[in-house]
C-alpha atoms as a PDB file:
ATOM      1  CA  MET A   1     108.279 120.992 106.347  1.00  0.00           C
ATOM      2  CA  ARG A   2     105.063 121.716 104.469  1.00  0.00           C
ATOM      3  CA  VAL A   3     102.400 119.037 104.089  1.00  0.00           C
ATOM      4  CA  CYS A   4      99.632 118.949 101.505  1.00  0.00           C
ATOM      5  CA  LEU A   5      96.853 116.386 101.782  1.00  0.00           C
ATOM      6  CA  ALA A   6      95.562 115.362  98.359  1.00  0.00           C
ATOM      7  CA  SER A   7      92.072 114.901  99.722  1.00  0.00           C
ATOM      8  CA  THR A   8      89.171 116.831 101.205  1.00  0.00           C
ATOM      9  CA  SER A   9      88.181 113.888 103.444  1.00  0.00           C
ATOM     10  CA  PRO A  10      87.294 115.192 106.921  1.00  0.00           C
ATOM     11  CA  ALA A  11      88.411 111.870 108.447  1.00  0.00           C
ATOM     12  CA  ARG A  12      91.894 112.004 106.899  1.00  0.00           C
ATOM     13  CA  LEU A  13      92.293 115.649 107.850  1.00  0.00           C
ATOM     14  CA  MET A  14      91.249 114.865 111.416  1.00  0.00           C
ATOM     15  CA  LEU A  15      93.776 112.016 111.632  1.00  0.00           C
ATOM     16  CA  LEU A  16      96.661 114.252 110.602  1.00  0.00           C
ATOM     17  CA  ARG A  17      95.562 116.983 112.973  1.00  0.00           C
ATOM     18  CA  GLN A  18      95.387 114.504 115.842  1.00  0.00           C
ATOM     19  CA  ALA A  19      98.946 113.463 114.957  1.00  0.00           C
ATOM     20  CA  GLY A  20     100.128 117.068 115.280  1.00  0.00           C
ATOM     21  CA  ILE A  21     100.098 117.935 111.570  1.00  0.00           C
ATOM     22  CA  GLU A  22      98.100 120.799 110.066  1.00  0.00           C
ATOM     23  CA  PRO A  23      98.176 120.179 106.306  1.00  0.00           C
ATOM     24  CA  ALA A  24      97.003 122.261 103.429  1.00  0.00           C
ATOM     25  CA  THR A  25      94.337 120.409 101.457  1.00  0.00           C
ATOM     26  CA  ARG A  26      93.749 120.181  97.739  1.00  0.00           C
ATOM     27  CA  ALA A  27      91.072 118.129  96.000  1.00  0.00           C
ATOM     28  CA  PRO A  28      92.616 115.927  93.304  1.00  0.00           C
ATOM     29  CA  GLU A  29      90.918 115.999  89.927  1.00  0.00           C
ATOM     30  CA  VAL A  30      90.900 112.273  89.244  1.00  0.00           C
ATOM     31  CA  ASP A  31      88.069 110.404  87.555  1.00  0.00           C
ATOM     32  CA  GLU A  32      88.378 107.328  89.753  1.00  0.00           C
ATOM     33  CA  GLU A  33      85.998 105.106  87.801  1.00  0.00           C
ATOM     34  CA  ALA A  34      87.685 105.968  84.509  1.00  0.00           C
ATOM     35  CA  VAL A  35      91.168 105.299  85.906  1.00  0.00           C
ATOM     36  CA  ILE A  36      90.186 101.867  87.190  1.00  0.00           C
ATOM     37  CA  ALA A  37      88.196 100.965  84.074  1.00  0.00           C
ATOM     38  CA  ALA A  38      91.080 101.910  81.783  1.00  0.00           C
ATOM     39  CA  LEU A  39      93.623  99.760  83.586  1.00  0.00           C
ATOM     40  CA  GLU A  40      91.254  96.803  83.921  1.00  0.00           C
ATOM     41  CA  ALA A  41      90.503  96.987  80.206  1.00  0.00           C
ATOM     42  CA  GLU A  42      94.201  97.213  79.378  1.00  0.00           C
ATOM     43  CA  GLU A  43      95.144  94.253  81.557  1.00  0.00           C
ATOM     44  CA  GLY A  44      91.983  92.222  81.025  1.00  0.00           C
ATOM     45  CA  ARG A  45      91.297  91.610  84.687  1.00  0.00           C
ATOM     46  CA  VAL A  46      89.485  93.048  87.693  1.00  0.00           C
ATOM     47  CA  LEU A  47      91.841  94.794  90.080  1.00  0.00           C
ATOM     48  CA  PRO A  48      91.849  93.340  93.603  1.00  0.00           C
ATOM     49  CA  PRO A  49      91.150  95.836  96.400  1.00  0.00           C
ATOM     50  CA  ASP A  50      94.803  96.350  97.380  1.00  0.00           C
ATOM     51  CA  GLU A  51      95.819  97.265  93.830  1.00  0.00           C
ATOM     52  CA  HIS A  52      92.689  99.369  93.397  1.00  0.00           C
ATOM     53  CA  VAL A  53      93.332 101.604  96.419  1.00  0.00           C
ATOM     54  CA  LEU A  54      97.045 101.933  95.703  1.00  0.00           C
ATOM     55  CA  LEU A  55      96.469 102.993  92.110  1.00  0.00           C
ATOM     56  CA  LEU A  56      93.992 105.679  93.130  1.00  0.00           C
ATOM     57  CA  ALA A  57      96.140 106.919  96.019  1.00  0.00           C
ATOM     58  CA  ARG A  58      99.094 107.349  93.656  1.00  0.00           C
ATOM     59  CA  ARG A  59      97.021 109.073  90.983  1.00  0.00           C
ATOM     60  CA  LYS A  60      95.523 111.489  93.510  1.00  0.00           C
ATOM     61  CA  ALA A  61      98.911 112.433  94.954  1.00  0.00           C
ATOM     62  CA  ALA A  62     100.440 112.826  91.481  1.00  0.00           C
ATOM     63  CA  ASP A  63      97.576 115.049  90.342  1.00  0.00           C
ATOM     64  CA  VAL A  64      98.026 117.401  93.287  1.00  0.00           C
ATOM     65  CA  VAL A  65     101.807 117.480  92.764  1.00  0.00           C
ATOM     66  CA  ALA A  66     101.170 118.596  89.175  1.00  0.00           C
ATOM     67  CA  THR A  67      98.782 121.286  90.410  1.00  0.00           C
ATOM     68  CA  LEU A  68     101.328 122.550  92.938  1.00  0.00           C
ATOM     69  CA  ALA A  69     103.972 122.713  90.217  1.00  0.00           C
ATOM     70  CA  ARG A  70     101.715 125.163  88.346  1.00  0.00           C
ATOM     71  CA  LEU A  71     100.320 127.180  91.220  1.00  0.00           C
ATOM     72  CA  GLU A  72     102.986 126.946  93.936  1.00  0.00           C
ATOM     73  CA  PRO A  73     106.333 126.280  92.214  1.00  0.00           C
ATOM     74  CA  ASP A  74     108.199 127.070  95.446  1.00  0.00           C
ATOM     75  CA  PHE A  75     106.390 124.307  97.403  1.00  0.00           C
ATOM     76  CA  ASP A  76     108.905 122.384  99.521  1.00  0.00           C
ATOM     77  CA  GLY A  77     107.408 119.500 101.449  1.00  0.00           C
ATOM     78  CA  ILE A  78     105.370 116.343 101.021  1.00  0.00           C
ATOM     79  CA  VAL A  79     102.070 115.500  99.347  1.00  0.00           C
ATOM     80  CA  ILE A  80      99.955 112.685 100.774  1.00  0.00           C
ATOM     81  CA  GLY A  81      97.375 110.762  98.748  1.00  0.00           C
ATOM     82  CA  GLY A  82      95.072 108.024 100.018  1.00  0.00           C
ATOM     83  CA  ASP A  83      92.211 105.757  99.048  1.00  0.00           C
ATOM     84  CA  SER A  84      90.249 103.091 100.932  1.00  0.00           C
ATOM     85  CA  MET A  85      87.953 100.146 100.245  1.00  0.00           C
ATOM     86  CA  PHE A  86      86.132  97.733 102.531  1.00  0.00           C
ATOM     87  CA  ALA A  87      85.696  94.096 101.542  1.00  0.00           C
ATOM     88  CA  PHE A  88      83.409  91.600 103.271  1.00  0.00           C
ATOM     89  CA  ASP A  89      83.214  87.945 102.218  1.00  0.00           C
ATOM     90  CA  GLY A  90      85.217  88.856  99.148  1.00  0.00           C
ATOM     91  CA  GLU A  91      82.802  91.582  98.034  1.00  0.00           C
ATOM     92  CA  VAL A  92      83.812  95.248  97.973  1.00  0.00           C
ATOM     93  CA  LEU A  93      81.276  97.375  99.817  1.00  0.00           C
ATOM     94  CA  GLY A  94      81.180 101.056  98.919  1.00  0.00           C
ATOM     95  CA  LYS A  95      78.906 103.741 100.290  1.00  0.00           C
ATOM     96  CA  PRO A  96      75.383 102.305 100.713  1.00  0.00           C
ATOM     97  CA  LEU A  97      73.690 105.707 100.110  1.00  0.00           C
ATOM     98  CA  ARG A  98      70.237 104.264 100.891  1.00  0.00           C
ATOM     99  CA  PRO A  99      68.884 103.219 104.326  1.00  0.00           C
ATOM    100  CA  ASP A 100      67.631  99.851 103.089  1.00  0.00           C
ATOM    101  CA  VAL A 101      71.055  98.982 101.652  1.00  0.00           C
ATOM    102  CA  ALA A 102      72.821 100.054 104.868  1.00  0.00           C
ATOM    103  CA  THR A 103      70.409  97.989 106.956  1.00  0.00           C
ATOM    104  CA  ALA A 104      70.943  94.881 104.840  1.00  0.00           C
ATOM    105  CA  ARG A 105      74.711  95.282 105.109  1.00  0.00           C
ATOM    106  CA  TRP A 106      74.649  95.527 108.880  1.00  0.00           C
ATOM    107  CA  GLU A 107      72.441  92.467 109.137  1.00  0.00           C
ATOM    108  CA  ARG A 108      74.955  90.639 106.973  1.00  0.00           C
ATOM    109  CA  MET A 109      78.092  91.938 108.725  1.00  0.00           C
ATOM    110  CA  ARG A 110      76.826  91.311 112.256  1.00  0.00           C
ATOM    111  CA  GLY A 111      79.213  88.851 113.927  1.00  0.00           C
ATOM    112  CA  GLY A 112      81.526  88.773 110.908  1.00  0.00           C
ATOM    113  CA  THR A 113      84.913  90.198 109.925  1.00  0.00           C
ATOM    114  CA  GLY A 114      85.808  92.335 106.912  1.00  0.00           C
ATOM    115  CA  ILE A 115      89.037  93.858 105.623  1.00  0.00           C
ATOM    116  CA  LEU A 116      89.667  97.572 105.181  1.00  0.00           C
ATOM    117  CA  HIS A 117      92.284  98.205 102.489  1.00  0.00           C
ATOM    118  CA  SER A 118      93.970 101.612 102.507  1.00  0.00           C
ATOM    119  CA  GLY A 119      96.382 102.827  99.821  1.00  0.00           C
ATOM    120  CA  HIS A 120      98.999 105.483 100.604  1.00  0.00           C
ATOM    121  CA  SER A 121     101.230 107.589  98.394  1.00  0.00           C
ATOM    122  CA  VAL A 122     103.731 110.106  99.763  1.00  0.00           C
ATOM    123  CA  ILE A 123     105.608 112.340  97.342  1.00  0.00           C
ATOM    124  CA  ARG A 124     108.564 114.515  98.360  1.00  0.00           C
ATOM    125  CA  VAL A 125     108.503 117.757  96.407  1.00  0.00           C
ATOM    126  CA  ARG A 126     111.393 120.240  96.231  1.00  0.00           C
ATOM    127  CA  PRO A 127     111.867 123.126  93.792  1.00  0.00           C
ATOM    128  CA  GLY A 128     114.259 122.287  90.997  1.00  0.00           C
ATOM    129  CA  THR A 129     114.437 118.557  91.732  1.00  0.00           C
ATOM    130  CA  VAL A 130     112.613 115.449  90.538  1.00  0.00           C
ATOM    131  CA  ALA A 131     109.823 114.428  92.909  1.00  0.00           C
ATOM    132  CA  GLN A 132     110.345 111.186  94.875  1.00  0.00           C
ATOM    133  CA  GLU A 133     107.529 108.825  95.795  1.00  0.00           C
ATOM    134  CA  ALA A 134     107.057 106.110  98.391  1.00  0.00           C
ATOM    135  CA  TYR A 135     103.853 104.082  98.532  1.00  0.00           C
ATOM    136  CA  ALA A 136     102.245 101.160 100.340  1.00  0.00           C
ATOM    137  CA  VAL A 137      98.966  99.470 101.222  1.00  0.00           C
ATOM    138  CA  ALA A 138      97.842  98.843 104.793  1.00  0.00           C
ATOM    139  CA  ASP A 139      95.096  96.378 105.730  1.00  0.00           C
ATOM    140  CA  ALA A 140      93.070  96.102 108.903  1.00  0.00           C
ATOM    141  CA  ALA A 141      90.549  93.412 109.836  1.00  0.00           C
ATOM    142  CA  VAL A 142      87.340  94.712 111.421  1.00  0.00           C
ATOM    143  CA  THR A 143      85.143  92.398 113.499  1.00  0.00           C
ATOM    144  CA  PHE A 144      81.557  93.356 114.276  1.00  0.00           C
ATOM    145  CA  ALA A 145      79.644  92.420 117.427  1.00  0.00           C
ATOM    146  CA  ASP A 146      77.420  89.379 117.072  1.00  0.00           C
ATOM    147  CA  ASP A 147      74.697  90.667 119.398  1.00  0.00           C
ATOM    148  CA  ILE A 148      73.719  93.822 117.523  1.00  0.00           C
ATOM    149  CA  THR A 149      69.933  94.051 117.628  1.00  0.00           C
ATOM    150  CA  ALA A 150      67.577  95.043 114.851  1.00  0.00           C
ATOM    151  CA  ASP A 151      66.603  98.114 116.869  1.00  0.00           C
ATOM    152  CA  GLU A 152      70.264  99.162 117.165  1.00  0.00           C
ATOM    153  CA  ILE A 153      70.764  98.751 113.429  1.00  0.00           C
ATOM    154  CA  ALA A 154      67.633 100.789 112.716  1.00  0.00           C
ATOM    155  CA  ALA A 155      68.726 103.515 115.124  1.00  0.00           C
ATOM    156  CA  TYR A 156      72.234 103.678 113.660  1.00  0.00           C
ATOM    157  CA  VAL A 157      71.022 103.755 110.066  1.00  0.00           C
ATOM    158  CA  GLY A 158      68.494 106.405 111.127  1.00  0.00           C
ATOM    159  CA  THR A 159      71.324 108.754 112.103  1.00  0.00           C
ATOM    160  CA  GLY A 160      72.412 108.854 108.464  1.00  0.00           C
ATOM    161  CA  GLU A 161      76.050 108.295 109.385  1.00  0.00           C
ATOM    162  CA  PRO A 162      76.539 104.918 107.643  1.00  0.00           C
ATOM    163  CA  LEU A 163      75.002 106.046 104.355  1.00  0.00           C
ATOM    164  CA  GLN A 164      77.977 108.085 103.177  1.00  0.00           C
ATOM    165  CA  VAL A 165      80.911 105.921 104.312  1.00  0.00           C
ATOM    166  CA  ALA A 166      82.488 102.879 102.676  1.00  0.00           C
ATOM    167  CA  GLY A 167      81.289  99.684 104.306  1.00  0.00           C
ATOM    168  CA  ALA A 168      78.434 101.537 106.062  1.00  0.00           C
ATOM    169  CA  PHE A 169      80.351 101.992 109.307  1.00  0.00           C
ATOM    170  CA  THR A 170      82.756 104.200 111.216  1.00  0.00           C
ATOM    171  CA  VAL A 171      85.126 103.159 113.978  1.00  0.00           C
ATOM    172  CA  ASP A 172      85.713 106.642 115.374  1.00  0.00           C
ATOM    173  CA  SER A 173      82.122 107.826 115.737  1.00  0.00           C
ATOM    174  CA  LEU A 174      78.652 106.338 116.282  1.00  0.00           C
ATOM    175  CA  GLY A 175      79.578 102.983 114.724  1.00  0.00           C
ATOM    176  CA  GLY A 176      82.498 102.367 117.079  1.00  0.00           C
ATOM    177  CA  PRO A 177      80.565 100.592 119.871  1.00  0.00           C
ATOM    178  CA  PHE A 178      79.390  97.934 117.401  1.00  0.00           C
ATOM    179  CA  ILE A 179      82.967  96.946 116.518  1.00  0.00           C
ATOM    180  CA  THR A 180      84.618  94.461 118.858  1.00  0.00           C
ATOM    181  CA  ARG A 181      88.062  94.115 117.317  1.00  0.00           C
ATOM    182  CA  VAL A 182      90.453  95.759 114.868  1.00  0.00           C
ATOM    183  CA  ASP A 183      93.502  93.762 113.794  1.00  0.00           C
ATOM    184  CA  GLY A 184      96.022  96.178 112.318  1.00  0.00           C
ATOM    185  CA  ASP A 185      96.696  99.876 112.698  1.00  0.00           C
ATOM    186  CA  PRO A 186      93.345 101.272 113.957  1.00  0.00           C
ATOM    187  CA  SER A 187      93.836 104.530 112.051  1.00  0.00           C
ATOM    188  CA  THR A 188      93.686 102.500 108.824  1.00  0.00           C
ATOM    189  CA  VAL A 189      89.967 102.065 109.414  1.00  0.00           C
ATOM    190  CA  VAL A 190      89.497 105.809 109.856  1.00  0.00           C
ATOM    191  CA  GLY A 191      91.111 106.659 106.531  1.00  0.00           C
ATOM    192  CA  MET A 192      94.901 106.303 106.609  1.00  0.00           C
ATOM    193  CA  SER A 193      97.437 104.253 108.524  1.00  0.00           C
ATOM    194  CA  LEU A 194      99.566 106.729 110.466  1.00  0.00           C
ATOM    195  CA  SER A 195     102.250 104.131 111.122  1.00  0.00           C
ATOM    196  CA  THR A 196     102.442 103.411 107.377  1.00  0.00           C
ATOM    197  CA  LEU A 197     102.674 107.125 106.605  1.00  0.00           C
ATOM    198  CA  ARG A 198     105.521 107.499 109.093  1.00  0.00           C
ATOM    199  CA  ARG A 199     107.443 104.671 107.418  1.00  0.00           C
ATOM    200  CA  LEU A 200     106.935 106.140 103.949  1.00  0.00           C
ATOM    201  CA  VAL A 201     107.979 109.605 105.098  1.00  0.00           C
ATOM    202  CA  ARG A 202     111.157 108.155 106.587  1.00  0.00           C
ATOM    203  CA  GLU A 203     111.892 106.313 103.320  1.00  0.00           C
ATOM    204  CA  LEU A 204     111.956 109.731 101.672  1.00  0.00           C
ATOM    205  CA  GLY A 205     114.498 111.050 104.155  1.00  0.00           C
ATOM    206  CA  VAL A 206     112.087 113.114 106.236  1.00  0.00           C
ATOM    207  CA  ALA A 207     111.841 112.783 110.012  1.00  0.00           C
ATOM    208  CA  TRP A 208     108.242 112.417 111.184  1.00  0.00           C
ATOM    209  CA  PRO A 209     108.591 115.047 113.973  1.00  0.00           C
ATOM    210  CA  ASP A 210     109.576 117.588 111.311  1.00  0.00           C
ATOM    211  CA  LEU A 211     105.979 117.433 110.110  1.00  0.00           C
ATOM    212  CA  TRP A 212     104.542 118.478 113.445  1.00  0.00           C
ATOM    213  CA  THR A 213     102.948 121.891 113.495  1.00  0.00           C
ATOM    214  CA  THR A 214     101.545 121.560 116.995  1.00  0.00           C
ATOM    215  CA  ARG A 215     103.553 120.308 119.962  1.00  0.00           C
ATOM    216  CA  LEU A 216     102.477 119.460 123.487  1.00  0.00           C
ATOM    217  CA  THR A 217     103.999 121.617 126.191  1.00  0.00           C
ATOM    218  CA  SER A 218     104.196 120.834 129.884  1.00  0.00           C
END
């Protein structure tokens, strides 16, 4: 069973590899801001984070499916799309990009809890048949230590790691020791919920072990 990840995210690729899956990767050509703006204008409202990430996950997967139909018409497998957002005190926090913004966020998040929303779209593709899709959103609550010092924040921001990640933190790298609790599937915070992906794959009639490309041997 072939797997194509509609993303070039190193974190999502790592997650699948750790789960025994070696996917092909294709970058979706989706103007995320334009997609969201168009729907919000059409419906006259601001999309909440769960709808936001699901819409983008579905658009990304659909875009890659269309690309495969042109370039690899014999593709037989699944395409996985994902998108994530972090919300703290009701405010969506994207990539801080600047050290001063990352520092202010950590000072604010210290001792608090935010929600990571992750959208998933899985599309079953077979030559000569209509593609089938299953999709879902997974949420995970992330609680930060309340004793993080100013020196620790400065040192972490100084590494550059939090500048390019949503919410200004990671759970699977240097930011992990500053997180005291994750309520929900921990992989959701990394980039995708593996348990959610398994459920969606099964909904499409595919057994999760059929996706494994690497197997442990005794």
